Amino acid sequence: METPDVGIPRPLAERLSMAEQYEYLRTRVLPRRTLVTAGAVAGGLLTGCGTAAGKPRPATSRAPGSAALPFGRHLAFGSDPRTGTRISWQVPFAVKRPYVRVGLRPDDLGRRVAAELRPLHTPAVQGVRPALEQYYLHAAVDGLTPGTTYYYGVGHDGWEPTAPAHRAAIASFRTAPARPERFVFTAFGDQGVGRAAHANDDVLLRQKPAFHLHAGDICYADANGTGRKTDGYDPAFWDLFLKQNEPVARSVPWMVTTGNHDMEAWYSPDGYGGQLARFSLPGTGFDPHGTPGAYTFTYGNAAFVALDANDVSYEIPANLGHTGGRQTAWLDRTLRRLRAADGIDFLVVFFHHCAYSTSQHASDGGIRREWLPLFAKHQVDLVINGHNHVYERTDAIRSGRVGRAVPVGGSTDPTRDGTVYVTAGGGGRDLYSFPSGVKDSYEGHVTRHGTVPTFAWARGGHRTPETVEWSRVRYTGFSLLSVEVRAGASPRLAVSALAQNGRRIDHFEVRRGG
């Protein structure tokens, strides 16, 4: 395929289809070129947005605010999803006095909340990519009423969201209820940018989730995923990703954690400077500087814990041990507190690398060594991973072995049987496969259950062969999880996996003490 000579960096163009290249040009390159040719000479629109000697200039663009179209809106929870949310978005250049307007009706956005600008500079690499300035905005909206739908619009000097020309962009969100009630959340990892990723967003929206869990490897701006500056990297992929997901993430809180492709070494020693610029997530308490992949929140009768698996991964060691054990100690304390809390029935943990999988990346021995004893100790009910670009679900695992077989449609009790682990890595990137001779087995296509030859990563990047019995459901296709959480006298997690056409490929229930 010939790379079009119209302003798309060659490494990016080679990774996009022709349709995706057209969308890139339509939404990113052409509007900026129009901006330059229409007024740059007369008004100095791009003053302060370039670089000198590889260093960013101050963000003092003279462009009028009316030319800065907000895009890429995405939500996240504050520390309490009942009363707070975080609204984030992007602008093409620095703007003055950014803000959010919030109200109970789309025609009455009376409350104004100031937003924080987080500029992000990516240095040029000679012959590979130009320098790029990106501008992310974040507003913390607190003091909200539980179980209430709010409407909002984002703006800045020169861009008033309630103006007639901009009202179509007003979006909404709903706070968590004051007391536990039925809700649905969705989850996947390894989404990226493209047709399959966009199609999964459509399936996700049809589930009407209260929020979405993204188990790492978010947009694949870093193509290699080793966490080093030698990785191929194009930060413009984030513009594409946030625009792609805006129709969902502007109303559905998008709770992300970090994968190996999210270690972007150009911004900070741990590679998370880009994440901290793009997302506003609940803090952990163990890292005052912010580890964006590790946090917790409670919604209804379920508590959710996100973890940064790069910290303990034996397979990809760029960040191995980067928290000095603080994350694992925090995990122990957090799970203990949540398990003892009144009103919380279920503990759900999500992170990127797999504790149990038989596909291409297989299982990570670092995860198993550091975290699985804590999952058992505190009776974690469900673990969700990405990393392997397939759907795979285990039986209930106790002490490294099958504690209870959980066939399609089955049920399990973590207090007795152990924990079910789900690899939900079919979010949109190119699919993987299972070991040679191992067949898919899913709802409507259940094959004979047997052992699977695979391996686990050991320290030093070595592979330890193993033959396992816990691989219960396998599906080589794009997919996502949809989990219904029920409260009341008989609380349960009703877990379903959906293929990209919406067909169910797996389902099971988690019940405690039942």
Protein backbone atom coordinates (compact mmCIF):
# COMPACT_ATOMS: atom_id res chain seq x y z
CA MET A 1 0.00 0.00 0.00
CA GLU A 2 1.42 3.37 -0.98
CA THR A 3 1.77 5.84 1.86
CA PRO A 4 -0.06 9.08 0.99
CA ASP A 5 2.15 12.16 0.96
CA VAL A 6 -0.30 14.35 2.85
CA GLY A 7 1.16 14.77 6.33
CA ILE A 8 0.74 11.35 7.97
CA PRO A 9 3.99 10.18 9.60
CA ARG A 10 5.17 7.11 7.68
CA PRO A 11 5.26 4.75 10.73
CA LEU A 12 1.67 5.72 11.49
CA ALA A 13 0.50 5.43 7.90
CA GLU A 14 1.92 1.93 7.62
CA ARG A 15 -0.22 0.84 10.59
CA LEU A 16 -3.50 2.29 9.29
CA SER A 17 -5.86 1.06 6.62
CA MET A 18 -6.79 3.46 3.84
CA ALA A 19 -10.09 4.22 5.58
CA GLU A 20 -8.28 4.95 8.83
CA GLN A 21 -5.77 7.17 7.01
CA TYR A 22 -8.66 9.13 5.56
CA GLU A 23 -10.18 9.57 9.03
CA TYR A 24 -6.81 10.70 10.39
CA LEU A 25 -6.51 13.34 7.68
CA ARG A 26 -10.12 14.47 8.02
CA THR A 27 -10.05 14.90 11.80
CA ARG A 28 -6.43 15.82 12.56
CA VAL A 29 -4.14 16.94 9.74
CA LEU A 30 -6.49 18.88 7.49
CA PRO A 31 -8.15 21.02 10.19
CA ARG A 32 -4.74 22.04 11.52
CA ARG A 33 -3.47 22.89 8.02
CA THR A 34 -6.59 24.94 7.40
CA LEU A 35 -5.95 26.77 10.67
CA VAL A 36 -2.39 27.59 9.64
CA THR A 37 -3.12 28.73 6.09
CA ALA A 38 -6.17 30.77 7.06
CA GLY A 39 -4.62 32.93 9.74
CA ALA A 40 -1.13 31.97 10.81
CA VAL A 41 0.57 34.74 8.88
CA ALA A 42 -1.91 37.46 9.85
CA GLY A 43 -2.43 36.51 13.46
CA GLY A 44 0.60 34.45 14.45
CA LEU A 45 -1.68 31.55 15.42
CA LEU A 46 1.04 29.04 16.12
CA THR A 47 3.32 31.25 18.20
CA GLY A 48 4.64 29.24 21.13
CA CYS A 49 3.54 25.84 19.83
CA GLY A 50 6.77 24.88 18.12
CA THR A 51 10.08 23.69 19.51
CA ALA A 52 13.57 25.09 19.68
CA ALA A 53 16.62 22.86 20.09
CA GLY A 54 14.27 19.97 20.88
CA LYS A 55 12.70 21.78 23.86
CA PRO A 56 9.04 22.80 24.14
CA ARG A 57 8.26 26.49 24.04
CA PRO A 58 5.81 27.90 26.60
CA ALA A 59 2.18 27.12 25.79
CA THR A 60 1.22 30.68 24.84
CA SER A 61 -0.64 30.20 21.56
CA ARG A 62 -2.24 33.37 20.17
CA ALA A 63 -4.91 31.40 18.36
CA PRO A 64 -8.44 32.52 19.23
CA GLY A 65 -10.29 30.15 21.54
CA SER A 66 -13.06 29.85 18.95
CA ALA A 67 -10.62 27.87 16.75
CA ALA A 68 -9.85 25.25 19.44
CA LEU A 69 -12.40 22.48 18.98
CA PRO A 70 -12.57 20.25 22.10
CA PHE A 71 -12.44 16.52 21.39
CA GLY A 72 -11.74 13.17 23.02
CA ARG A 73 -13.96 13.60 26.08
CA HIS A 74 -13.64 10.78 28.60
CA LEU A 75 -14.93 10.31 32.12
CA ALA A 76 -13.58 8.62 35.22
CA PHE A 77 -14.78 8.33 38.78
CA GLY A 78 -13.55 10.49 41.60
CA SER A 79 -12.76 8.96 44.98
CA ASP A 80 -16.50 8.37 45.55
CA PRO A 81 -18.53 7.50 42.42
CA ARG A 82 -21.72 8.54 44.24
CA THR A 83 -20.69 12.18 44.53
CA GLY A 84 -17.83 12.90 42.14
CA THR A 85 -16.64 12.46 38.59
CA ARG A 86 -13.63 13.52 36.53
CA ILE A 87 -14.21 15.00 33.08
CA SER A 88 -11.25 15.01 30.69
CA TRP A 89 -10.80 16.16 27.12
CA GLN A 90 -8.26 17.43 24.59
CA VAL A 91 -7.73 20.61 22.59
CA PRO A 92 -5.43 21.16 19.57
CA PHE A 93 -3.46 23.96 21.26
CA ALA A 94 -3.26 25.69 24.64
CA VAL A 95 -6.39 27.59 25.65
CA LYS A 96 -7.20 30.12 28.38
CA ARG A 97 -9.41 29.47 31.39
CA PRO A 98 -10.81 26.02 30.46
CA TYR A 99 -13.89 24.87 32.34
CA VAL A 100 -16.86 22.52 32.50
CA ARG A 101 -20.49 23.58 32.80
CA VAL A 102 -22.71 21.10 34.68
CA GLY A 103 -26.44 20.99 35.38
CA LEU A 104 -29.51 18.82 35.83
CA ARG A 105 -30.89 19.73 32.40
CA PRO A 106 -29.11 20.16 29.06
CA ASP A 107 -30.59 23.65 28.79
CA ASP A 108 -29.53 24.69 32.29
CA LEU A 109 -25.80 24.15 32.89
CA GLY A 110 -25.56 26.63 35.72
CA ARG A 111 -22.53 25.33 37.59
CA ARG A 112 -19.08 26.20 36.26
CA VAL A 113 -16.00 24.21 37.34
CA ALA A 114 -12.47 25.26 36.39
CA ALA A 115 -10.29 22.72 34.56
CA GLU A 116 -6.57 21.99 34.74
CA LEU A 117 -4.40 22.09 31.60
CA ARG A 118 -1.78 19.34 31.34
CA PRO A 119 0.44 19.93 28.30
CA LEU A 120 2.47 17.00 27.00
CA HIS A 121 5.58 17.42 24.84
CA THR A 122 6.92 14.50 22.82
CA PRO A 123 10.42 15.17 21.45
CA ALA A 124 11.29 14.58 17.82
CA VAL A 125 13.25 11.55 16.67
CA GLN A 126 15.34 12.35 13.62
CA GLY A 127 13.98 10.64 10.53
CA VAL A 128 11.20 8.91 12.48
CA ARG A 129 8.72 11.46 13.85
CA PRO A 130 8.42 15.20 14.43
CA ALA A 131 7.99 16.74 17.86
CA LEU A 132 4.38 16.92 18.99
CA GLU A 133 2.57 19.08 21.54
CA GLN A 134 -0.66 17.72 23.02
CA TYR A 135 -2.96 19.49 25.46
CA TYR A 136 -5.19 17.62 27.91
CA LEU A 137 -7.75 19.19 30.22
CA HIS A 138 -9.26 17.80 33.43
CA ALA A 139 -12.06 19.01 35.69
CA ALA A 140 -12.89 17.52 39.10
CA VAL A 141 -16.64 17.76 39.63
CA ASP A 142 -17.56 16.91 43.22
CA GLY A 143 -20.46 17.53 45.58
CA LEU A 144 -22.93 15.72 43.32
CA THR A 145 -26.11 13.89 44.33
CA PRO A 146 -26.04 10.06 44.21
CA GLY A 147 -28.11 8.27 41.59
CA THR A 148 -28.59 11.40 39.49
CA THR A 149 -28.15 12.15 35.81
CA TYR A 150 -26.13 15.29 35.07
CA TYR A 151 -25.48 17.08 31.78
CA TYR A 152 -22.25 18.85 30.93
CA GLY A 153 -20.39 20.80 28.29
CA VAL A 154 -16.69 21.66 28.08
CA GLY A 155 -15.34 25.07 27.15
CA HIS A 156 -12.70 27.79 27.43
CA ASP A 157 -12.32 31.45 26.60
CA GLY A 158 -13.82 31.82 23.14
CA TRP A 159 -15.70 28.50 23.28
CA GLU A 160 -18.93 28.58 25.28
CA PRO A 161 -20.54 25.09 25.40
CA THR A 162 -24.06 26.51 25.86
CA ALA A 163 -23.83 28.61 22.69
CA PRO A 164 -26.37 27.44 20.08
CA ALA A 165 -23.62 26.25 17.72
CA HIS A 166 -22.13 23.98 20.41
CA ARG A 167 -25.17 22.58 22.22
CA ALA A 168 -25.16 19.37 20.18
CA ALA A 169 -21.94 18.41 21.99
CA ILE A 170 -23.55 18.46 25.46
CA ALA A 171 -23.25 15.01 27.05
CA SER A 172 -24.42 13.35 30.25
CA PHE A 173 -23.33 11.00 33.02
CA ARG A 174 -24.98 9.36 36.02
CA THR A 175 -23.59 9.14 39.53
CA ALA A 176 -23.57 5.87 41.45
CA PRO A 177 -26.64 5.14 43.58
CA ALA A 178 -26.67 5.90 47.30
CA ARG A 179 -27.56 2.29 48.13
CA PRO A 180 -26.60 -0.92 46.31
CA GLU A 181 -28.79 -1.89 43.39
CA ARG A 182 -28.42 -3.92 40.21
CA PHE A 183 -25.89 -2.56 37.70
CA VAL A 184 -23.81 -3.71 34.73
CA PHE A 185 -20.15 -3.06 34.00
CA THR A 186 -18.14 -4.05 30.94
CA ALA A 187 -14.46 -4.90 30.50
CA PHE A 188 -11.77 -5.70 27.96
CA GLY A 189 -8.10 -5.04 27.32
CA ASP A 190 -5.91 -4.42 24.27
CA GLN A 191 -8.20 -2.17 22.26
CA GLY A 192 -6.11 0.08 20.05
CA VAL A 193 -7.45 2.02 17.07
CA GLY A 194 -9.29 0.55 14.11
CA ARG A 195 -12.48 -1.05 12.84
CA ALA A 196 -12.54 -3.92 15.34
CA ALA A 197 -11.91 -1.54 18.25
CA HIS A 198 -14.71 0.74 17.07
CA ALA A 199 -17.08 -2.20 16.64
CA ASN A 200 -16.43 -3.34 20.21
CA ASP A 201 -17.42 0.13 21.39
CA ASP A 202 -20.77 -0.36 19.68
CA VAL A 203 -21.35 -3.68 21.46
CA LEU A 204 -20.29 -2.07 24.74
CA LEU A 205 -22.82 0.76 24.44
CA ARG A 206 -25.66 -1.69 23.91
CA GLN A 207 -24.98 -3.16 27.38
CA LYS A 208 -25.73 0.24 28.99
CA PRO A 209 -22.89 -0.16 31.51
CA ALA A 210 -22.45 1.99 34.59
CA PHE A 211 -18.72 2.04 33.75
CA HIS A 212 -16.07 0.21 31.75
CA LEU A 213 -12.81 -1.43 32.87
CA HIS A 214 -9.92 -1.26 30.39
CA ALA A 215 -7.29 -3.83 31.42
CA GLY A 216 -4.28 -2.14 29.85
CA ASP A 217 -2.66 -1.76 26.42
CA ILE A 218 -4.96 1.12 25.71
CA CYS A 219 -4.14 2.63 22.31
CA TYR A 220 -0.77 1.15 21.19
CA ALA A 221 0.98 4.43 20.45
CA ASP A 222 4.02 2.43 21.61
CA ALA A 223 4.12 -0.35 19.04
CA ASN A 224 6.70 -2.62 20.69
CA GLY A 225 5.67 -2.53 24.33
CA THR A 226 9.06 -3.11 25.95
CA GLY A 227 9.03 0.20 27.85
CA ARG A 228 12.22 1.50 26.21
CA LYS A 229 13.01 4.52 24.04
CA THR A 230 13.98 2.15 21.24
CA ASP A 231 10.30 1.20 20.88
CA GLY A 232 8.46 2.51 17.85
CA TYR A 233 6.23 5.30 19.12
CA ASP A 234 3.76 7.75 17.65
CA PRO A 235 1.84 9.87 20.18
CA ALA A 236 -0.64 10.94 17.47
CA PHE A 237 -2.30 7.56 18.00
CA TRP A 238 -3.71 8.97 21.25
CA ASP A 239 -5.59 11.64 19.28
CA LEU A 240 -7.14 8.91 17.15
CA PHE A 241 -7.94 6.72 20.14
CA LEU A 242 -9.63 9.40 22.22
CA LYS A 243 -11.69 10.56 19.25
CA GLN A 244 -12.64 6.95 18.42
CA ASN A 245 -13.85 6.26 21.98
CA GLU A 246 -15.49 9.61 22.69
CA PRO A 247 -19.03 8.43 21.77
CA VAL A 248 -18.78 5.93 24.64
CA ALA A 249 -16.32 7.44 27.12
CA ARG A 250 -18.07 10.84 27.20
CA SER A 251 -20.91 9.18 29.17
CA VAL A 252 -19.45 5.89 30.45
CA PRO A 253 -16.60 6.26 32.98
CA TRP A 254 -13.54 4.68 31.36
CA MET A 255 -11.42 3.16 34.13
CA VAL A 256 -8.02 2.22 32.72
CA THR A 257 -4.96 0.47 34.04
CA THR A 258 -1.49 0.16 32.54
CA GLY A 259 -0.23 -2.50 30.17
CA ASN A 260 3.23 -3.00 28.75
CA HIS A 261 2.33 -0.89 25.69
CA ASP A 262 1.42 1.94 28.07
CA MET A 263 4.99 2.34 29.36
CA GLU A 264 6.00 5.32 27.23
CA ALA A 265 9.63 5.98 28.11
CA TRP A 266 9.81 9.50 26.65
CA TYR A 267 7.97 11.20 29.52
CA SER A 268 9.23 9.85 32.85
CA PRO A 269 11.52 7.13 34.22
CA ASP A 270 8.59 4.73 34.73
CA GLY A 271 6.99 5.73 31.42
CA TYR A 272 3.74 6.91 32.98
CA GLY A 273 4.03 10.66 32.41
CA GLY A 274 1.81 10.35 29.35
CA GLN A 275 -0.85 8.46 31.29
CA LEU A 276 -0.85 11.07 34.04
CA ALA A 277 -1.36 13.78 31.43
CA ARG A 278 -4.24 12.03 29.65
CA PHE A 279 -6.26 10.48 32.49
CA SER A 280 -7.58 11.56 35.89
CA LEU A 281 -8.06 8.51 38.10
CA PRO A 282 -8.53 7.91 41.84
CA GLY A 283 -5.24 8.04 43.77
CA THR A 284 -3.71 5.11 45.60
CA GLY A 285 -2.19 6.64 48.69
CA PHE A 286 1.02 4.59 48.37
CA ASP A 287 2.46 6.79 45.62
CA PRO A 288 2.11 10.56 46.12
CA HIS A 289 3.38 11.17 42.58
CA GLY A 290 0.67 8.97 41.09
CA THR A 291 0.83 5.45 39.71
CA PRO A 292 -1.99 5.68 37.15
CA GLY A 293 -2.57 1.94 36.94
CA ALA A 294 -3.20 1.32 40.65
CA TYR A 295 -6.32 2.54 42.48
CA THR A 296 -9.62 1.38 43.93
CA PHE A 297 -13.25 2.46 43.88
CA THR A 298 -16.55 1.09 45.19
CA TYR A 299 -19.77 0.98 43.21
CA GLY A 300 -22.87 -0.46 44.89
CA ASN A 301 -22.04 -3.75 46.59
CA ALA A 302 -18.81 -4.35 44.67
CA ALA A 303 -15.29 -2.99 45.10
CA PHE A 304 -12.85 -2.74 42.21
CA VAL A 305 -9.06 -2.73 42.43
CA ALA A 306 -6.84 -1.76 39.48
CA LEU A 307 -3.20 -2.84 39.52
CA ASP A 308 -0.06 -1.97 37.56
CA ALA A 309 1.18 -5.43 36.56
CA ASN A 310 4.34 -4.00 34.97
CA ASP A 311 5.60 -3.72 38.56
CA VAL A 312 5.73 -7.51 39.03
CA SER A 313 6.00 -8.90 35.49
CA TYR A 314 8.76 -11.41 34.78
CA GLU A 315 8.02 -11.38 31.04
CA ILE A 316 8.61 -7.67 30.34
CA PRO A 317 10.94 -6.38 33.07
CA ALA A 318 11.27 -2.67 32.19
CA ASN A 319 9.33 -1.65 35.33
CA LEU A 320 9.88 -4.78 37.41
CA GLY A 321 10.01 -3.69 41.06
CA HIS A 322 9.58 0.01 40.27
CA THR A 323 7.35 0.59 43.35
CA GLY A 324 9.78 -1.20 45.67
CA GLY A 325 7.04 -3.50 46.94
CA ARG A 326 4.77 -0.63 47.95
CA GLN A 327 2.05 -1.58 45.49
CA THR A 328 1.84 -5.16 46.78
CA ALA A 329 1.74 -3.97 50.40
CA TRP A 330 -1.00 -1.50 49.45
CA LEU A 331 -2.90 -4.31 47.71
CA ASP A 332 -2.82 -6.42 50.88
CA ARG A 333 -4.08 -3.55 53.02
CA THR A 334 -6.72 -2.55 50.51
CA LEU A 335 -8.16 -6.03 50.02
CA ARG A 336 -8.25 -6.54 53.79
CA ARG A 337 -10.12 -3.27 54.30
CA LEU A 338 -12.58 -3.90 51.49
CA ARG A 339 -13.33 -7.46 52.53
CA ALA A 340 -14.15 -6.26 56.04
CA ALA A 341 -16.29 -3.31 54.89
CA ASP A 342 -20.04 -3.38 55.42
CA GLY A 343 -22.13 -3.56 52.28
CA ILE A 344 -19.41 -4.92 49.98
CA ASP A 345 -20.17 -8.41 48.69
CA PHE A 346 -17.69 -8.72 45.83
CA LEU A 347 -14.05 -7.90 45.14
CA VAL A 348 -13.09 -7.56 41.46
CA VAL A 349 -9.43 -7.04 40.52
CA PHE A 350 -8.25 -6.06 37.05
CA PHE A 351 -4.78 -5.66 35.57
CA HIS A 352 -2.98 -6.37 32.31
CA HIS A 353 -0.62 -9.37 32.35
CA CYS A 354 -2.24 -12.76 32.82
CA ALA A 355 -2.10 -14.85 35.94
CA TYR A 356 -3.54 -17.80 34.02
CA SER A 357 -3.65 -18.05 30.22
CA THR A 358 -2.46 -20.46 27.57
CA SER A 359 -2.27 -18.11 24.57
CA GLN A 360 0.77 -16.33 23.12
CA HIS A 361 2.04 -14.49 26.25
CA ALA A 362 0.82 -17.33 28.50
CA SER A 363 1.01 -16.78 32.30
CA ASP A 364 3.32 -14.49 34.27
CA GLY A 365 5.13 -16.08 37.20
CA GLY A 366 5.72 -12.69 38.79
CA ILE A 367 1.99 -12.11 39.04
CA ARG A 368 1.49 -15.54 40.54
CA ARG A 369 4.25 -15.14 43.10
CA GLU A 370 3.38 -11.65 44.34
CA TRP A 371 -0.39 -11.35 44.09
CA LEU A 372 -2.11 -14.72 43.96
CA PRO A 373 -1.50 -15.46 47.67
CA LEU A 374 -3.27 -12.17 48.45
CA PHE A 375 -6.19 -12.99 46.16
CA ALA A 376 -6.61 -16.29 48.00
CA LYS A 377 -6.15 -14.73 51.44
CA HIS A 378 -8.87 -12.14 50.85
CA GLN A 379 -11.12 -14.34 48.66
CA VAL A 380 -11.14 -12.20 45.53
CA ASP A 381 -14.23 -13.07 43.50
CA LEU A 382 -13.15 -12.29 39.94
CA VAL A 383 -9.87 -11.35 38.21
CA ILE A 384 -9.89 -9.71 34.76
CA ASN A 385 -6.77 -9.52 32.56
CA GLY A 386 -5.83 -8.56 29.01
CA HIS A 387 -2.42 -9.03 27.31
CA ASN A 388 -3.39 -12.15 25.34
CA HIS A 389 -5.61 -11.10 22.43
CA VAL A 390 -8.21 -13.81 22.91
CA TYR A 391 -10.97 -14.72 25.33
CA GLU A 392 -10.02 -17.40 27.84
CA ARG A 393 -11.66 -18.28 31.13
CA THR A 394 -10.47 -20.63 33.84
CA ASP A 395 -12.28 -22.90 36.23
CA ALA A 396 -12.22 -21.72 39.83
CA ILE A 397 -8.57 -22.00 40.88
CA ARG A 398 -7.48 -22.73 44.42
CA SER A 399 -3.82 -23.16 45.42
CA GLY A 400 -2.77 -23.23 41.75
CA ARG A 401 -5.14 -26.08 40.86
CA VAL A 402 -8.75 -26.50 39.83
CA GLY A 403 -10.84 -25.96 42.95
CA ARG A 404 -14.09 -26.47 41.08
CA ALA A 405 -14.94 -27.07 37.43
CA VAL A 406 -17.04 -24.19 36.10
CA PRO A 407 -18.44 -25.14 32.70
CA VAL A 408 -20.39 -22.70 30.54
CA GLY A 409 -23.48 -21.80 32.55
CA GLY A 410 -21.95 -23.02 35.81
CA SER A 411 -21.56 -21.29 39.15
CA THR A 412 -18.87 -21.02 41.78
CA ASP A 413 -18.39 -19.88 45.38
CA PRO A 414 -15.01 -18.21 46.04
CA THR A 415 -15.23 -18.97 49.77
CA ARG A 416 -15.04 -22.66 48.91
CA ASP A 417 -13.78 -23.06 45.34
CA GLY A 418 -11.22 -20.34 44.66
CA THR A 419 -11.12 -17.57 42.07
CA VAL A 420 -12.09 -17.47 38.38
CA TYR A 421 -9.61 -15.69 36.07
CA VAL A 422 -10.77 -14.16 32.79
CA THR A 423 -8.51 -13.09 29.93
CA ALA A 424 -10.54 -10.48 28.05
CA GLY A 425 -7.90 -9.38 25.56
CA GLY A 426 -10.09 -9.30 22.46
CA GLY A 427 -10.71 -5.54 22.67
CA GLY A 428 -9.70 -4.76 19.09
CA ARG A 429 -6.04 -5.46 18.33
CA ASP A 430 -4.88 -8.27 16.04
CA LEU A 431 -5.92 -11.62 17.49
CA TYR A 432 -3.65 -14.31 18.88
CA SER A 433 -4.10 -18.09 18.85
CA PHE A 434 -3.94 -20.96 21.31
CA PRO A 435 -1.26 -23.67 21.34
CA SER A 436 -1.12 -25.94 18.31
CA GLY A 437 -3.88 -28.52 18.38
CA VAL A 438 -5.84 -26.78 21.13
CA LYS A 439 -9.37 -26.00 19.96
CA ASP A 440 -11.67 -23.15 20.85
CA SER A 441 -14.43 -24.15 23.28
CA TYR A 442 -17.26 -21.73 24.00
CA GLU A 443 -21.04 -21.55 24.36
CA GLY A 444 -22.66 -23.30 21.41
CA HIS A 445 -19.31 -24.81 20.43
CA VAL A 446 -18.10 -26.73 23.48
CA THR A 447 -15.32 -29.17 22.65
CA ARG A 448 -13.99 -32.02 24.75
CA HIS A 449 -12.24 -30.71 27.85
CA GLY A 450 -8.64 -31.76 28.31
CA THR A 451 -5.19 -30.57 29.27
CA VAL A 452 -3.39 -27.76 27.46
CA PRO A 453 0.40 -27.51 26.99
CA THR A 454 1.61 -24.01 27.80
CA PHE A 455 4.19 -22.20 29.94
CA ALA A 456 4.68 -19.54 32.62
CA TRP A 457 7.26 -16.78 32.62
CA ALA A 458 10.00 -17.13 35.23
CA ARG A 459 12.43 -14.49 36.51
CA GLY A 460 15.01 -13.54 33.91
CA GLY A 461 12.57 -14.00 31.02
CA HIS A 462 12.76 -17.80 31.04
CA ARG A 463 9.80 -19.98 30.15
CA THR A 464 8.74 -22.81 32.44
CA PRO A 465 6.66 -25.42 30.56
CA GLU A 466 3.46 -26.61 32.19
CA THR A 467 0.46 -28.72 31.25
CA VAL A 468 -2.76 -27.34 32.71
CA GLU A 469 -6.34 -28.43 33.29
CA TRP A 470 -7.84 -25.06 34.25
CA SER A 471 -8.41 -23.68 30.71
CA ARG A 472 -12.20 -24.07 30.52
CA VAL A 473 -13.43 -21.65 27.81
CA ARG A 474 -11.46 -20.39 24.78
CA TYR A 475 -12.55 -18.12 21.94
CA THR A 476 -10.33 -16.74 19.18
CA GLY A 477 -12.24 -13.59 18.31
CA PHE A 478 -12.95 -10.03 19.31
CA SER A 479 -15.06 -9.91 22.45
CA LEU A 480 -15.81 -8.18 25.73
CA LEU A 481 -17.13 -8.96 29.21
CA SER A 482 -20.53 -7.80 30.42
CA VAL A 483 -21.06 -8.37 34.14
CA GLU A 484 -24.38 -7.89 35.92
CA VAL A 485 -23.92 -7.23 39.63
CA ARG A 486 -26.92 -8.06 41.78
CA ALA A 487 -27.47 -6.94 45.35
CA GLY A 488 -30.02 -7.96 47.96
CA ALA A 489 -30.66 -11.23 49.77
CA SER A 490 -28.93 -13.30 47.08
CA PRO A 491 -26.04 -11.20 45.70
CA ARG A 492 -24.22 -12.54 42.66
CA LEU A 493 -22.01 -11.68 39.71
CA ALA A 494 -23.61 -12.84 36.47
CA VAL A 495 -20.66 -12.84 34.07
CA SER A 496 -21.16 -13.01 30.30
CA ALA A 497 -18.71 -12.81 27.41
CA LEU A 498 -19.99 -11.39 24.13
CA ALA A 499 -18.56 -11.76 20.65
CA GLN A 500 -18.35 -8.73 18.41
CA ASN A 501 -21.66 -9.60 16.77
CA GLY A 502 -23.29 -9.53 20.20
CA ARG A 503 -23.60 -13.30 20.50
CA ARG A 504 -22.91 -14.72 23.96
CA ILE A 505 -19.91 -17.04 24.02
CA ASP A 506 -19.70 -17.72 27.76
CA HIS A 507 -21.59 -17.17 30.98
CA PHE A 508 -21.26 -18.21 34.62
CA GLU A 509 -22.19 -16.95 38.08
CA VAL A 510 -20.22 -16.10 41.19
CA ARG A 511 -22.13 -16.52 44.46
CA ARG A 512 -20.66 -16.21 47.92
CA GLY A 513 -21.65 -18.74 50.57
CA GLY A 514 -24.43 -20.12 48.40
